Amino acid sequence: MDSIDVSMSDIVDKPGADDINKTPDLEEESEEIVEEYTPDLLGSADLYDHAGDIYFRCGEVNRAVEFWQKALERKPEDPELIKAKIKHRKIIENAP
């Protein structure tokens, strides 16, 4: 398979490239989604666990840990998995 050479200038110098570097207000956006699509899930452990995963993937590790802690407080199905995420400060697919 051929490799593709792409430099940062190929990305940054293109129209609309500034959009790549913009981080939306995740908290506000997530609250809007929760309010609109999942009113019956407010306060559920799964909701907080997934929100933590999203924050982690966006590079906001401290915020992710906060949400995983909230998930743990709400008695998740797999508390060991949530505890592992908090302890290691990263997404864990299977509890150790």
Protein backbone atom coordinates (compact mmCIF):
# COMPACT_ATOMS: atom_id res chain seq x y z
CA MET A 1 0.00 0.00 0.00
CA ASP A 2 1.33 3.46 -0.86
CA SER A 3 1.83 5.95 1.93
CA ILE A 4 0.34 9.41 1.80
CA ASP A 5 2.57 12.33 2.64
CA VAL A 6 0.67 15.15 4.30
CA SER A 7 2.32 18.04 6.04
CA MET A 8 0.72 20.24 8.67
CA SER A 9 0.74 23.13 6.20
CA ASP A 10 -1.39 21.04 3.82
CA ILE A 11 -4.06 20.99 6.51
CA VAL A 12 -3.63 24.36 8.21
CA ASP A 13 -3.36 26.42 5.02
CA LYS A 14 -6.62 25.13 3.55
CA PRO A 15 -9.88 27.10 3.74
CA GLY A 16 -11.84 26.05 6.79
CA ALA A 17 -8.76 24.68 8.53
CA ASP A 18 -9.34 27.02 11.45
CA ASP A 19 -12.40 24.93 12.30
CA ILE A 20 -10.11 22.00 13.14
CA ASN A 21 -8.52 23.94 15.98
CA LYS A 22 -11.78 25.14 17.51
CA THR A 23 -13.05 23.21 20.52
CA PRO A 24 -16.79 23.62 21.05
CA ASP A 25 -18.13 24.35 24.47
CA LEU A 26 -18.57 20.68 25.30
CA GLU A 27 -20.42 21.22 28.55
CA GLU A 28 -23.06 23.44 26.99
CA GLU A 29 -23.42 21.21 23.95
CA SER A 30 -23.69 18.02 26.00
CA GLU A 31 -26.32 19.61 28.29
CA GLU A 32 -28.40 20.55 25.25
CA ILE A 33 -28.20 17.01 23.89
CA VAL A 34 -29.10 15.50 27.25
CA GLU A 35 -32.07 17.82 27.69
CA GLU A 36 -33.36 17.22 24.17
CA TYR A 37 -32.79 13.51 23.65
CA THR A 38 -32.45 11.78 27.01
CA PRO A 39 -34.62 13.38 29.69
CA ASP A 40 -35.38 9.95 31.15
CA LEU A 41 -31.66 9.19 31.58
CA LEU A 42 -30.76 12.27 33.60
CA GLY A 43 -28.74 11.16 36.54
CA SER A 44 -28.01 7.67 35.23
CA ALA A 45 -24.59 6.13 35.75
CA ASP A 46 -24.31 5.24 32.06
CA LEU A 47 -24.86 8.83 31.01
CA TYR A 48 -22.08 10.11 33.26
CA ASP A 49 -19.77 7.25 32.26
CA HIS A 50 -20.19 7.98 28.56
CA ALA A 51 -19.79 11.71 29.12
CA GLY A 52 -16.52 10.96 30.90
CA ASP A 53 -15.37 8.91 27.91
CA ILE A 54 -16.20 11.79 25.58
CA TYR A 55 -14.31 14.30 27.69
CA PHE A 56 -11.33 11.93 27.82
CA ARG A 57 -11.30 11.56 24.03
CA CYS A 58 -11.37 15.34 23.74
CA GLY A 59 -8.27 15.59 25.90
CA GLU A 60 -10.05 16.84 29.01
CA VAL A 61 -8.82 14.18 31.43
CA ASN A 62 -9.69 16.03 34.66
CA ARG A 63 -13.24 16.62 33.46
CA ALA A 64 -13.49 12.97 32.41
CA VAL A 65 -12.49 11.83 35.89
CA GLU A 66 -15.14 14.13 37.41
CA PHE A 67 -17.83 12.49 35.30
CA TRP A 68 -16.60 8.97 36.02
CA GLN A 69 -16.76 9.80 39.73
CA LYS A 70 -20.35 10.97 39.27
CA ALA A 71 -21.09 7.71 37.44
CA LEU A 72 -19.63 5.71 40.33
CA GLU A 73 -21.86 7.59 42.81
CA ARG A 74 -24.91 6.48 40.82
CA LYS A 75 -24.28 2.74 41.26
CA PRO A 76 -23.20 1.65 37.75
CA GLU A 77 -23.63 -1.92 36.49
CA ASP A 78 -19.85 -2.41 36.48
CA PRO A 79 -18.38 -0.33 39.32
CA GLU A 80 -14.95 -1.98 38.94
CA LEU A 81 -14.68 -0.66 35.39
CA ILE A 82 -15.48 2.88 36.53
CA LYS A 83 -13.02 2.59 39.42
CA ALA A 84 -10.31 1.48 36.97
CA LYS A 85 -11.00 4.49 34.73
CA ILE A 86 -10.66 6.82 37.70
CA LYS A 87 -7.54 5.13 39.03
CA HIS A 88 -5.71 5.04 35.68
CA ARG A 89 -7.22 8.30 34.40
CA LYS A 90 -8.02 6.76 31.02
CA ILE A 91 -10.63 4.69 29.24
CA ILE A 92 -10.47 1.05 30.24
CA GLU A 93 -12.38 -1.41 28.07
CA ASN A 94 -12.51 -4.24 30.63
CA ALA A 95 -12.08 -3.98 34.37
CA PRO A 96 -8.86 -5.58 35.60
